[in-house]
Amino acid sequence: MSNRTAGPAHPASANKPPDALQSIGAAARASGVKVPTIRFYEEAGLLPPLPRTEGNRRLYGADAVKRLVFIRHARELGFELDAIRTLLQLQDRPDQSCAEADAIAGARLGEVRRRISALKALEAELAQMVEACAHGRVADCRVIETLADHAHCRFHAAAAGPAEMPVRAAKRRQPPKG
């Protein structure tokens, strides 16, 4: 999932002084985050209150754009919004210990390693299904047999472990896809 626009920076933003305020469109181009996603991040409280024009349009300074780039990069690495919120709070207080940031990144690394392990098991199961297929008739097809009966699938037995895999209690709201 990528929220990038055409590029990481827009040439027009390079001509502005660092403290210049810009529109949401310019901030989107400068940060690589799409406009609807910026609005979502604002609603989620990941951006501080922004100055507004007389017409009530938000204005984005260099710090807001840097924050958007931080959020985009964290999302690309798979961090959930709650983790990003905590990491942003830590970034806002640079004199404290980085132990909490390390713990958050370590937890994400553990999730990635578990996912890689599950994907390797999935790969092995699919390879075994394909290799076991005699390429004859569907009535004797190992692929169809395995898909029809979970008892033949080693992947699901390995992934579920001793008990069935827990279902997430509630799906977290995620930014719009774009």
N, C-alpha and C. Protein backbone atom coordinates (compact mmCIF):
# COMPACT_ATOMS: atom_id res chain seq x y z
N MET A 1 0.85 -1.17 0.00
CA MET A 1 0.00 0.00 0.00
C MET A 1 0.89 1.22 0.00
N SER A 2 0.71 2.07 -0.96
CA SER A 2 1.53 3.26 -1.05
C SER A 2 0.64 4.48 -1.18
N ASN A 3 0.99 5.51 -0.45
CA ASN A 3 0.24 6.75 -0.51
C ASN A 3 1.04 7.82 -1.23
N ARG A 4 1.95 7.45 -2.08
CA ARG A 4 2.81 8.40 -2.77
C ARG A 4 2.10 9.05 -3.93
N THR A 5 2.51 10.28 -4.16
CA THR A 5 2.07 10.96 -5.37
C THR A 5 3.19 10.79 -6.38
N ALA A 6 3.28 11.67 -7.33
CA ALA A 6 4.26 11.53 -8.41
C ALA A 6 5.69 11.46 -7.91
N GLY A 7 6.03 12.08 -6.82
CA GLY A 7 7.40 12.07 -6.34
C GLY A 7 7.51 12.60 -4.94
N PRO A 8 8.69 12.47 -4.34
CA PRO A 8 8.85 12.87 -2.97
C PRO A 8 8.88 14.37 -2.75
N ALA A 9 9.18 15.13 -3.76
CA ALA A 9 9.23 16.59 -3.58
C ALA A 9 8.75 17.24 -4.86
N HIS A 10 8.18 18.40 -4.70
CA HIS A 10 7.69 19.15 -5.85
C HIS A 10 8.65 20.31 -6.08
N PRO A 11 9.01 20.59 -7.33
CA PRO A 11 9.96 21.66 -7.60
C PRO A 11 9.54 23.00 -7.01
N ALA A 12 8.25 23.29 -6.98
CA ALA A 12 7.79 24.58 -6.45
C ALA A 12 8.11 24.70 -4.97
N SER A 13 8.09 23.59 -4.24
CA SER A 13 8.36 23.65 -2.81
C SER A 13 9.83 23.95 -2.53
N ALA A 14 10.70 23.65 -3.51
CA ALA A 14 12.13 23.92 -3.32
C ALA A 14 12.41 25.42 -3.36
N ASN A 15 11.53 26.20 -4.00
CA ASN A 15 11.74 27.65 -4.11
C ASN A 15 11.19 28.41 -2.92
N LYS A 16 10.46 27.76 -2.03
CA LYS A 16 9.85 28.43 -0.89
C LYS A 16 10.81 28.46 0.28
N PRO A 17 10.78 29.53 1.07
CA PRO A 17 11.61 29.53 2.27
C PRO A 17 11.11 28.44 3.23
N PRO A 18 11.99 27.92 4.13
CA PRO A 18 11.63 26.81 5.00
C PRO A 18 10.39 27.08 5.86
N ASP A 19 10.13 28.35 6.20
CA ASP A 19 9.00 28.64 7.07
C ASP A 19 7.75 29.03 6.29
N ALA A 20 7.80 28.95 4.94
CA ALA A 20 6.65 29.31 4.11
C ALA A 20 5.51 28.34 4.36
N LEU A 21 4.30 28.89 4.36
CA LEU A 21 3.11 28.07 4.52
C LEU A 21 2.57 27.74 3.14
N GLN A 22 2.02 26.54 3.02
CA GLN A 22 1.54 26.09 1.72
C GLN A 22 0.19 25.39 1.85
N SER A 23 -0.46 25.22 0.73
CA SER A 23 -1.76 24.56 0.68
C SER A 23 -1.62 23.07 0.90
N ILE A 24 -2.75 22.41 1.09
CA ILE A 24 -2.74 20.96 1.27
C ILE A 24 -2.21 20.26 0.02
N GLY A 25 -2.53 20.79 -1.15
CA GLY A 25 -2.03 20.19 -2.39
C GLY A 25 -0.52 20.26 -2.49
N ALA A 26 0.04 21.42 -2.13
CA ALA A 26 1.50 21.57 -2.15
C ALA A 26 2.14 20.68 -1.10
N ALA A 27 1.52 20.58 0.08
CA ALA A 27 2.04 19.70 1.13
C ALA A 27 1.99 18.24 0.69
N ALA A 28 0.94 17.88 -0.04
CA ALA A 28 0.83 16.52 -0.56
C ALA A 28 1.96 16.22 -1.54
N ARG A 29 2.22 17.14 -2.44
CA ARG A 29 3.30 16.94 -3.40
C ARG A 29 4.65 16.89 -2.71
N ALA A 30 4.87 17.75 -1.74
CA ALA A 30 6.15 17.81 -1.05
C ALA A 30 6.40 16.60 -0.16
N SER A 31 5.34 16.02 0.39
CA SER A 31 5.50 14.89 1.33
C SER A 31 5.31 13.53 0.70
N GLY A 32 4.66 13.49 -0.47
CA GLY A 32 4.36 12.20 -1.08
C GLY A 32 3.13 11.54 -0.48
N VAL A 33 2.33 12.30 0.26
CA VAL A 33 1.11 11.78 0.88
C VAL A 33 -0.08 12.42 0.15
N LYS A 34 -1.04 11.61 -0.25
CA LYS A 34 -2.19 12.13 -0.99
C LYS A 34 -3.09 12.98 -0.10
N VAL A 35 -3.79 13.90 -0.71
CA VAL A 35 -4.65 14.85 0.02
C VAL A 35 -5.66 14.14 0.93
N PRO A 36 -6.43 13.14 0.45
CA PRO A 36 -7.39 12.49 1.36
C PRO A 36 -6.71 11.84 2.56
N THR A 37 -5.50 11.33 2.35
CA THR A 37 -4.77 10.69 3.44
C THR A 37 -4.29 11.74 4.45
N ILE A 38 -3.88 12.90 3.96
CA ILE A 38 -3.51 13.99 4.87
C ILE A 38 -4.70 14.36 5.73
N ARG A 39 -5.86 14.47 5.13
CA ARG A 39 -7.07 14.80 5.89
C ARG A 39 -7.37 13.72 6.93
N PHE A 40 -7.19 12.47 6.54
CA PHE A 40 -7.39 11.36 7.48
C PHE A 40 -6.42 11.48 8.65
N TYR A 41 -5.15 11.75 8.37
CA TYR A 41 -4.15 11.88 9.44
C TYR A 41 -4.50 13.05 10.37
N GLU A 42 -5.03 14.12 9.80
CA GLU A 42 -5.46 15.26 10.64
C GLU A 42 -6.59 14.83 11.57
N GLU A 43 -7.59 14.14 11.01
CA GLU A 43 -8.72 13.66 11.82
C GLU A 43 -8.27 12.67 12.89
N ALA A 44 -7.24 11.88 12.59
CA ALA A 44 -6.73 10.89 13.53
C ALA A 44 -5.84 11.53 14.60
N GLY A 45 -5.57 12.83 14.48
CA GLY A 45 -4.78 13.53 15.48
C GLY A 45 -3.28 13.36 15.33
N LEU A 46 -2.81 12.96 14.15
CA LEU A 46 -1.38 12.79 13.94
C LEU A 46 -0.67 14.08 13.58
N LEU A 47 -1.46 15.09 13.23
CA LEU A 47 -0.90 16.42 12.95
C LEU A 47 -1.44 17.40 13.99
N PRO A 48 -0.60 18.31 14.46
CA PRO A 48 -1.10 19.32 15.41
C PRO A 48 -2.03 20.29 14.68
N PRO A 49 -2.79 21.08 15.43
CA PRO A 49 -3.65 22.09 14.78
C PRO A 49 -2.81 22.98 13.87
N LEU A 50 -3.34 23.26 12.71
CA LEU A 50 -2.61 24.03 11.70
C LEU A 50 -3.19 25.42 11.57
N PRO A 51 -2.35 26.39 11.19
CA PRO A 51 -2.88 27.73 10.94
C PRO A 51 -3.82 27.68 9.75
N ARG A 52 -4.71 28.66 9.70
CA ARG A 52 -5.71 28.69 8.63
C ARG A 52 -5.75 30.06 7.96
N THR A 53 -6.20 30.02 6.71
CA THR A 53 -6.39 31.26 5.97
C THR A 53 -7.69 31.90 6.42
N GLU A 54 -7.95 33.11 5.92
CA GLU A 54 -9.23 33.77 6.21
C GLU A 54 -10.40 32.95 5.68
N GLY A 55 -10.15 32.16 4.64
CA GLY A 55 -11.17 31.29 4.07
C GLY A 55 -11.25 29.94 4.78
N ASN A 56 -10.55 29.79 5.92
CA ASN A 56 -10.56 28.59 6.76
C ASN A 56 -9.83 27.39 6.14
N ARG A 57 -8.95 27.64 5.19
CA ARG A 57 -8.14 26.56 4.61
C ARG A 57 -6.88 26.37 5.44
N ARG A 58 -6.53 25.11 5.66
CA ARG A 58 -5.34 24.81 6.44
C ARG A 58 -4.08 25.19 5.66
N LEU A 59 -3.06 25.61 6.42
CA LEU A 59 -1.77 25.94 5.84
C LEU A 59 -0.70 25.04 6.47
N TYR A 60 0.18 24.53 5.64
CA TYR A 60 1.18 23.56 6.07
C TYR A 60 2.56 24.18 5.96
N GLY A 61 3.28 24.15 7.07
CA GLY A 61 4.66 24.63 7.09
C GLY A 61 5.62 23.46 6.93
N ALA A 62 6.90 23.78 6.98
CA ALA A 62 7.94 22.76 6.80
C ALA A 62 7.83 21.66 7.86
N ASP A 63 7.51 22.03 9.11
CA ASP A 63 7.40 21.02 10.17
C ASP A 63 6.24 20.05 9.90
N ALA A 64 5.13 20.57 9.39
CA ALA A 64 3.99 19.70 9.07
C ALA A 64 4.34 18.75 7.93
N VAL A 65 5.07 19.25 6.94
CA VAL A 65 5.48 18.40 5.82
C VAL A 65 6.45 17.32 6.31
N LYS A 66 7.39 17.69 7.17
CA LYS A 66 8.32 16.70 7.72
C LYS A 66 7.57 15.62 8.51
N ARG A 67 6.55 16.04 9.25
CA ARG A 67 5.73 15.10 10.02
C ARG A 67 4.98 14.16 9.07
N LEU A 68 4.48 14.68 7.98
CA LEU A 68 3.80 13.83 6.99
C LEU A 68 4.76 12.82 6.37
N VAL A 69 5.99 13.24 6.09
CA VAL A 69 6.99 12.33 5.54
C VAL A 69 7.30 11.23 6.57
N PHE A 70 7.42 11.60 7.84
CA PHE A 70 7.65 10.64 8.92
C PHE A 70 6.51 9.61 8.95
N ILE A 71 5.28 10.10 8.92
CA ILE A 71 4.10 9.22 8.97
C ILE A 71 4.08 8.30 7.75
N ARG A 72 4.32 8.87 6.58
CA ARG A 72 4.33 8.05 5.35
C ARG A 72 5.37 6.94 5.45
N HIS A 73 6.56 7.27 5.90
CA HIS A 73 7.62 6.27 6.00
C HIS A 73 7.26 5.20 7.02
N ALA A 74 6.71 5.61 8.15
CA ALA A 74 6.30 4.65 9.18
C ALA A 74 5.21 3.72 8.64
N ARG A 75 4.26 4.27 7.87
CA ARG A 75 3.20 3.43 7.27
C ARG A 75 3.80 2.46 6.26
N GLU A 76 4.78 2.93 5.47
CA GLU A 76 5.43 2.05 4.50
C GLU A 76 6.12 0.88 5.20
N LEU A 77 6.59 1.10 6.42
CA LEU A 77 7.23 0.04 7.20
C LEU A 77 6.21 -0.80 7.96
N GLY A 78 4.93 -0.46 7.82
CA GLY A 78 3.87 -1.28 8.40
C GLY A 78 3.45 -0.94 9.81
N PHE A 79 3.90 0.18 10.34
CA PHE A 79 3.49 0.56 11.69
C PHE A 79 2.02 0.95 11.70
N GLU A 80 1.30 0.52 12.73
CA GLU A 80 -0.11 0.89 12.90
C GLU A 80 -0.18 2.35 13.35
N LEU A 81 -1.36 2.94 13.20
CA LEU A 81 -1.52 4.35 13.55
C LEU A 81 -1.24 4.63 15.02
N ASP A 82 -1.64 3.74 15.92
CA ASP A 82 -1.37 3.96 17.34
C ASP A 82 0.13 4.00 17.62
N ALA A 83 0.88 3.11 16.98
CA ALA A 83 2.34 3.11 17.14
C ALA A 83 2.94 4.39 16.57
N ILE A 84 2.43 4.82 15.43
CA ILE A 84 2.94 6.06 14.83
C ILE A 84 2.64 7.24 15.74
N ARG A 85 1.45 7.26 16.31
CA ARG A 85 1.10 8.35 17.23
C ARG A 85 2.11 8.40 18.39
N THR A 86 2.41 7.24 18.96
CA THR A 86 3.37 7.18 20.06
C THR A 86 4.76 7.61 19.59
N LEU A 87 5.18 7.15 18.42
CA LEU A 87 6.49 7.53 17.89
C LEU A 87 6.58 9.04 17.64
N LEU A 88 5.49 9.62 17.17
CA LEU A 88 5.47 11.08 16.97
C LEU A 88 5.57 11.81 18.30
N GLN A 89 4.88 11.31 19.31
CA GLN A 89 4.97 11.92 20.64
C GLN A 89 6.40 11.83 21.16
N LEU A 90 7.05 10.70 20.92
CA LEU A 90 8.45 10.56 21.34
C LEU A 90 9.33 11.52 20.56
N GLN A 91 9.09 11.66 19.27
CA GLN A 91 9.88 12.59 18.45
C GLN A 91 9.73 14.02 18.96
N ASP A 92 8.55 14.34 19.47
CA ASP A 92 8.30 15.69 19.97
C ASP A 92 9.02 15.97 21.30
N ARG A 93 9.53 14.92 21.94
CA ARG A 93 10.26 15.05 23.21
C ARG A 93 11.63 14.37 23.05
N PRO A 94 12.56 14.99 22.32
CA PRO A 94 13.82 14.34 21.95
C PRO A 94 14.79 14.08 23.10
N ASP A 95 14.58 14.66 24.27
CA ASP A 95 15.53 14.48 25.37
C ASP A 95 15.29 13.21 26.18
N GLN A 96 14.21 12.49 25.91
CA GLN A 96 13.92 11.30 26.71
C GLN A 96 14.58 10.05 26.12
N SER A 97 14.52 8.97 26.87
CA SER A 97 15.08 7.69 26.43
C SER A 97 14.35 7.20 25.19
N CYS A 98 15.08 6.49 24.35
CA CYS A 98 14.46 5.94 23.15
C CYS A 98 14.00 4.50 23.38
N ALA A 99 13.93 4.05 24.62
CA ALA A 99 13.55 2.67 24.92
C ALA A 99 12.16 2.34 24.37
N GLU A 100 11.22 3.26 24.48
CA GLU A 100 9.87 2.99 23.99
C GLU A 100 9.86 2.89 22.47
N ALA A 101 10.62 3.74 21.80
CA ALA A 101 10.71 3.65 20.33
C ALA A 101 11.34 2.32 19.93
N ASP A 102 12.38 1.92 20.66
CA ASP A 102 13.02 0.62 20.39
C ASP A 102 12.03 -0.52 20.58
N ALA A 103 11.22 -0.44 21.63
CA ALA A 103 10.24 -1.50 21.91
C ALA A 103 9.18 -1.56 20.80
N ILE A 104 8.74 -0.41 20.33
CA ILE A 104 7.74 -0.37 19.25
C ILE A 104 8.33 -0.97 17.98
N ALA A 105 9.54 -0.56 17.62
CA ALA A 105 10.18 -1.09 16.42
C ALA A 105 10.47 -2.59 16.58
N GLY A 106 10.88 -3.00 17.78
CA GLY A 106 11.13 -4.42 18.03
C GLY A 106 9.87 -5.26 17.88
N ALA A 107 8.74 -4.73 18.36
CA ALA A 107 7.46 -5.44 18.22
C ALA A 107 7.09 -5.56 16.74
N ARG A 108 7.31 -4.50 15.98
CA ARG A 108 7.02 -4.55 14.54
C ARG A 108 7.91 -5.56 13.84
N LEU A 109 9.19 -5.59 14.23
CA LEU A 109 10.12 -6.56 13.66
C LEU A 109 9.63 -7.98 13.95
N GLY A 110 9.15 -8.22 15.16
CA GLY A 110 8.62 -9.54 15.51
C GLY A 110 7.43 -9.91 14.63
N GLU A 111 6.54 -8.93 14.38
CA GLU A 111 5.38 -9.16 13.51
C GLU A 111 5.85 -9.53 12.10
N VAL A 112 6.84 -8.81 11.60
CA VAL A 112 7.36 -9.07 10.25
C VAL A 112 7.97 -10.46 10.19
N ARG A 113 8.74 -10.82 11.20
CA ARG A 113 9.35 -12.16 11.22
C ARG A 113 8.30 -13.26 11.26
N ARG A 114 7.23 -13.06 12.05
CA ARG A 114 6.15 -14.06 12.09
C ARG A 114 5.46 -14.16 10.73
N ARG A 115 5.27 -13.03 10.09
CA ARG A 115 4.64 -13.03 8.78
C ARG A 115 5.52 -13.73 7.75
N ILE A 116 6.82 -13.46 7.80
CA ILE A 116 7.75 -14.13 6.88
C ILE A 116 7.70 -15.63 7.11
N SER A 117 7.67 -16.05 8.35
CA SER A 117 7.60 -17.48 8.67
C SER A 117 6.32 -18.10 8.11
N ALA A 118 5.20 -17.40 8.28
CA ALA A 118 3.93 -17.89 7.76
C ALA A 118 3.96 -17.94 6.23
N LEU A 119 4.56 -16.95 5.60
CA LEU A 119 4.65 -16.94 4.13
C LEU A 119 5.55 -18.07 3.63
N LYS A 120 6.61 -18.37 4.36
CA LYS A 120 7.48 -19.50 3.97
C LYS A 120 6.71 -20.81 4.08
N ALA A 121 5.91 -20.95 5.13
CA ALA A 121 5.09 -22.15 5.27
C ALA A 121 4.06 -22.23 4.15
N LEU A 122 3.48 -21.11 3.80
CA LEU A 122 2.52 -21.05 2.69
C LEU A 122 3.20 -21.44 1.38
N GLU A 123 4.39 -20.91 1.16
CA GLU A 123 5.14 -21.24 -0.05
C GLU A 123 5.40 -22.74 -0.13
N ALA A 124 5.82 -23.32 0.99
CA ALA A 124 6.11 -24.76 1.02
C ALA A 124 4.85 -25.57 0.72
N GLU A 125 3.73 -25.16 1.27
CA GLU A 125 2.48 -25.89 1.03
C GLU A 125 2.07 -25.79 -0.44
N LEU A 126 2.14 -24.60 -0.99
CA LEU A 126 1.77 -24.44 -2.39
C LEU A 126 2.71 -25.22 -3.30
N ALA A 127 4.01 -25.20 -3.00
CA ALA A 127 4.97 -25.97 -3.80
C ALA A 127 4.67 -27.46 -3.71
N GLN A 128 4.33 -27.93 -2.51
CA GLN A 128 4.01 -29.35 -2.31
C GLN A 128 2.75 -29.72 -3.08
N MET A 129 1.75 -28.84 -3.06
CA MET A 129 0.51 -29.10 -3.81
C MET A 129 0.79 -29.22 -5.30
N VAL A 130 1.57 -28.29 -5.82
CA VAL A 130 1.87 -28.28 -7.25
C VAL A 130 2.70 -29.51 -7.63
N GLU A 131 3.70 -29.84 -6.81
CA GLU A 131 4.56 -30.99 -7.10
C GLU A 131 3.79 -32.31 -6.99
N ALA A 132 2.81 -32.38 -6.08
CA ALA A 132 2.06 -33.62 -5.88
C ALA A 132 1.01 -33.83 -6.97
N CYS A 133 0.70 -32.81 -7.71
CA CYS A 133 -0.31 -32.94 -8.76
C CYS A 133 0.27 -33.77 -9.90
N ALA A 134 -0.49 -34.75 -10.31
CA ALA A 134 -0.04 -35.64 -11.39
C ALA A 134 -0.32 -35.05 -12.77
N HIS A 135 -0.93 -33.88 -12.80
CA HIS A 135 -1.27 -33.23 -14.07
C HIS A 135 -2.15 -34.12 -14.94
N GLY A 136 -2.97 -34.90 -14.27
CA GLY A 136 -3.89 -35.80 -14.99
C GLY A 136 -5.28 -35.21 -14.98
N ARG A 137 -6.19 -35.95 -14.38
CA ARG A 137 -7.60 -35.55 -14.35
C ARG A 137 -7.89 -34.81 -13.05
N VAL A 138 -8.88 -33.95 -13.08
CA VAL A 138 -9.28 -33.17 -11.91
C VAL A 138 -9.68 -34.10 -10.77
N ALA A 139 -10.26 -35.25 -11.08
CA ALA A 139 -10.68 -36.19 -10.05
C ALA A 139 -9.50 -36.65 -9.20
N ASP A 140 -8.30 -36.63 -9.74
CA ASP A 140 -7.09 -37.06 -9.01
C ASP A 140 -6.16 -35.90 -8.69
N CYS A 141 -6.64 -34.68 -8.82
CA CYS A 141 -5.79 -33.49 -8.67
C CYS A 141 -5.52 -33.17 -7.20
N ARG A 142 -4.27 -33.13 -6.81
CA ARG A 142 -3.87 -32.82 -5.43
C ARG A 142 -4.22 -31.37 -5.07
N VAL A 143 -4.14 -30.47 -6.02
CA VAL A 143 -4.47 -29.06 -5.76
C VAL A 143 -5.94 -28.96 -5.34
N ILE A 144 -6.82 -29.56 -6.14
CA ILE A 144 -8.25 -29.52 -5.84
C ILE A 144 -8.54 -30.25 -4.53
N GLU A 145 -7.92 -31.38 -4.31
CA GLU A 145 -8.11 -32.17 -3.09
C GLU A 145 -7.71 -31.38 -1.84
N THR A 146 -6.57 -30.71 -1.90
CA THR A 146 -6.09 -29.94 -0.75
C THR A 146 -6.98 -28.73 -0.48
N LEU A 147 -7.40 -28.06 -1.54
CA LEU A 147 -8.26 -26.89 -1.35
C LEU A 147 -9.64 -27.29 -0.82
N ALA A 148 -10.11 -28.47 -1.18
CA ALA A 148 -11.43 -28.93 -0.75
C ALA A 148 -11.43 -29.45 0.68
N ASP A 149 -10.29 -29.87 1.19
CA ASP A 149 -10.24 -30.49 2.52
C ASP A 149 -9.03 -29.95 3.30
N HIS A 150 -9.30 -29.12 4.31
CA HIS A 150 -8.21 -28.54 5.11
C HIS A 150 -7.35 -29.60 5.79
N ALA A 151 -7.86 -30.78 5.97
CA ALA A 151 -7.08 -31.84 6.62
C ALA A 151 -5.83 -32.18 5.80
N HIS A 152 -5.87 -31.93 4.50
CA HIS A 152 -4.72 -32.21 3.64
C HIS A 152 -3.72 -31.06 3.61
N CYS A 153 -4.07 -29.94 4.21
CA CYS A 153 -3.24 -28.73 4.13
C CYS A 153 -2.37 -28.59 5.37
N ARG A 154 -1.08 -28.73 5.19
CA ARG A 154 -0.15 -28.57 6.31
C ARG A 154 -0.02 -27.12 6.73
N PHE A 155 -0.22 -26.19 5.81
CA PHE A 155 -0.08 -24.77 6.13
C PHE A 155 -1.05 -24.34 7.21
N HIS A 156 -2.32 -24.68 7.07
CA HIS A 156 -3.30 -24.26 8.06
C HIS A 156 -3.06 -24.91 9.41
N ALA A 157 -2.61 -26.14 9.42
CA ALA A 157 -2.30 -26.81 10.68
C ALA A 157 -1.12 -26.13 11.37
N ALA A 158 -0.11 -25.75 10.59
CA ALA A 158 1.06 -25.08 11.16
C ALA A 158 0.73 -23.66 11.60
N ALA A 159 -0.07 -22.96 10.81
CA ALA A 159 -0.39 -21.56 11.12
C ALA A 159 -1.29 -21.46 12.34
N ALA A 160 -2.22 -22.39 12.49
CA ALA A 160 -3.16 -22.33 13.61
C ALA A 160 -2.50 -22.74 14.91
N GLY A 161 -1.50 -23.60 14.84
CA GLY A 161 -0.84 -24.07 16.06
C GLY A 161 -1.79 -24.92 16.88
N PRO A 162 -1.58 -24.98 18.21
CA PRO A 162 -2.41 -25.83 19.05
C PRO A 162 -3.86 -25.37 19.12
N ALA A 163 -4.09 -24.08 18.98
CA ALA A 163 -5.46 -23.56 19.01
C ALA A 163 -5.68 -22.76 17.74
N GLU A 164 -6.93 -22.54 17.41
CA GLU A 164 -7.23 -21.74 16.23
C GLU A 164 -6.65 -20.34 16.39
N MET A 165 -6.28 -19.75 15.29
CA MET A 165 -5.73 -18.40 15.32
C MET A 165 -6.82 -17.43 15.78
N PRO A 166 -6.48 -16.49 16.68
CA PRO A 166 -7.49 -15.55 17.15
C PRO A 166 -7.90 -14.58 16.05
N VAL A 167 -9.14 -14.20 16.08
CA VAL A 167 -9.67 -13.22 15.13
C VAL A 167 -9.55 -11.87 15.80
N ARG A 168 -9.16 -10.85 15.06
CA ARG A 168 -9.05 -9.51 15.64
C ARG A 168 -10.40 -9.06 16.16
N ALA A 169 -10.38 -8.50 17.36
CA ALA A 169 -11.63 -8.05 17.99
C ALA A 169 -12.27 -6.94 17.18
N ALA A 170 -11.49 -6.01 16.72
CA ALA A 170 -12.06 -4.91 15.93
C ALA A 170 -11.01 -4.47 14.92
N LYS A 171 -11.45 -4.24 13.73
CA LYS A 171 -10.52 -3.79 12.70
C LYS A 171 -10.29 -2.31 12.87
N ARG A 172 -9.01 -1.93 12.97
CA ARG A 172 -8.68 -0.52 13.13
C ARG A 172 -8.96 0.23 11.83
N ARG A 173 -9.39 1.46 12.00
CA ARG A 173 -9.64 2.31 10.85
C ARG A 173 -8.31 2.64 10.21
N GLN A 174 -8.21 2.45 8.92
CA GLN A 174 -6.98 2.69 8.19
C GLN A 174 -7.18 3.85 7.23
N PRO A 175 -6.09 4.49 6.84
CA PRO A 175 -6.21 5.62 5.91
C PRO A 175 -6.78 5.15 4.58
N PRO A 176 -7.36 6.07 3.84
CA PRO A 176 -7.92 5.71 2.53
C PRO A 176 -6.83 5.18 1.62
N LYS A 177 -7.19 4.22 0.80
CA LYS A 177 -6.24 3.69 -0.18
C LYS A 177 -6.27 4.58 -1.39
N GLY A 178 -5.14 4.71 -1.98
CA GLY A 178 -5.16 5.60 -3.14
C GLY A 178 -4.08 5.31 -4.01
